[in-house]
Amino acid sequence: MSASAIVMMIVAIVIVWGGLIAAILRLRSHPQETEPMPPGVHRAE
């Protein structure tokens, strides 16, 4: 592999994994709110 191909591969890996880590950190600090269940409806277990 050429040096430019290795650099591009590293950049792509950093972008993908960085986005994944950023998404996880954002969801941990701002969890999704669940919608309240309508009256008379029970959760399936």
Protein backbone atom coordinates (compact mmCIF):
# COMPACT_ATOMS: atom_id res chain seq x y z
CA MET A 1 0.00 0.00 0.00
CA SER A 2 1.18 3.48 -0.73
CA ALA A 3 1.57 6.12 1.96
CA SER A 4 -1.41 8.11 0.67
CA ALA A 5 -3.64 5.02 0.83
CA ILE A 6 -2.62 4.38 4.44
CA VAL A 7 -3.27 8.00 5.39
CA MET A 8 -6.72 7.91 3.76
CA MET A 9 -7.51 4.62 5.54
CA ILE A 10 -6.53 6.12 8.90
CA VAL A 11 -8.62 9.24 8.22
CA ALA A 12 -11.65 7.09 7.33
CA ILE A 13 -11.25 4.94 10.45
CA VAL A 14 -10.97 8.02 12.67
CA ILE A 15 -14.09 9.55 11.13
CA VAL A 16 -16.18 6.38 11.53
CA TRP A 17 -15.04 5.49 15.06
CA GLY A 18 -15.09 9.14 16.15
CA GLY A 19 -18.69 9.46 14.98
CA LEU A 20 -19.63 6.28 16.83
CA ILE A 21 -18.01 7.48 20.05
CA ALA A 22 -19.62 10.92 19.72
CA ALA A 23 -23.05 9.34 19.21
CA ILE A 24 -22.62 7.10 22.26
CA LEU A 25 -21.49 10.00 24.45
CA ARG A 26 -24.41 12.16 23.26
CA LEU A 27 -26.94 9.41 23.97
CA ARG A 28 -25.45 8.83 27.42
CA SER A 29 -25.77 12.51 28.31
CA HIS A 30 -29.17 13.02 26.58
CA PRO A 31 -31.06 9.71 26.66
CA GLN A 32 -34.10 9.34 24.44
CA GLU A 33 -37.33 9.92 26.30
CA THR A 34 -39.81 7.09 26.01
CA GLU A 35 -43.37 7.95 25.08
CA PRO A 36 -45.91 7.35 27.84
CA MET A 37 -48.16 4.36 27.32
CA PRO A 38 -51.81 5.13 26.59
CA PRO A 39 -54.26 4.23 29.36
CA GLY A 40 -55.25 0.57 29.38
CA VAL A 41 -52.22 -0.59 27.37
CA HIS A 42 -49.64 -2.83 29.05
CA ARG A 43 -46.10 -3.58 27.98
CA ALA A 44 -45.46 -7.06 26.59
CA GLU A 45 -42.92 -8.91 28.68
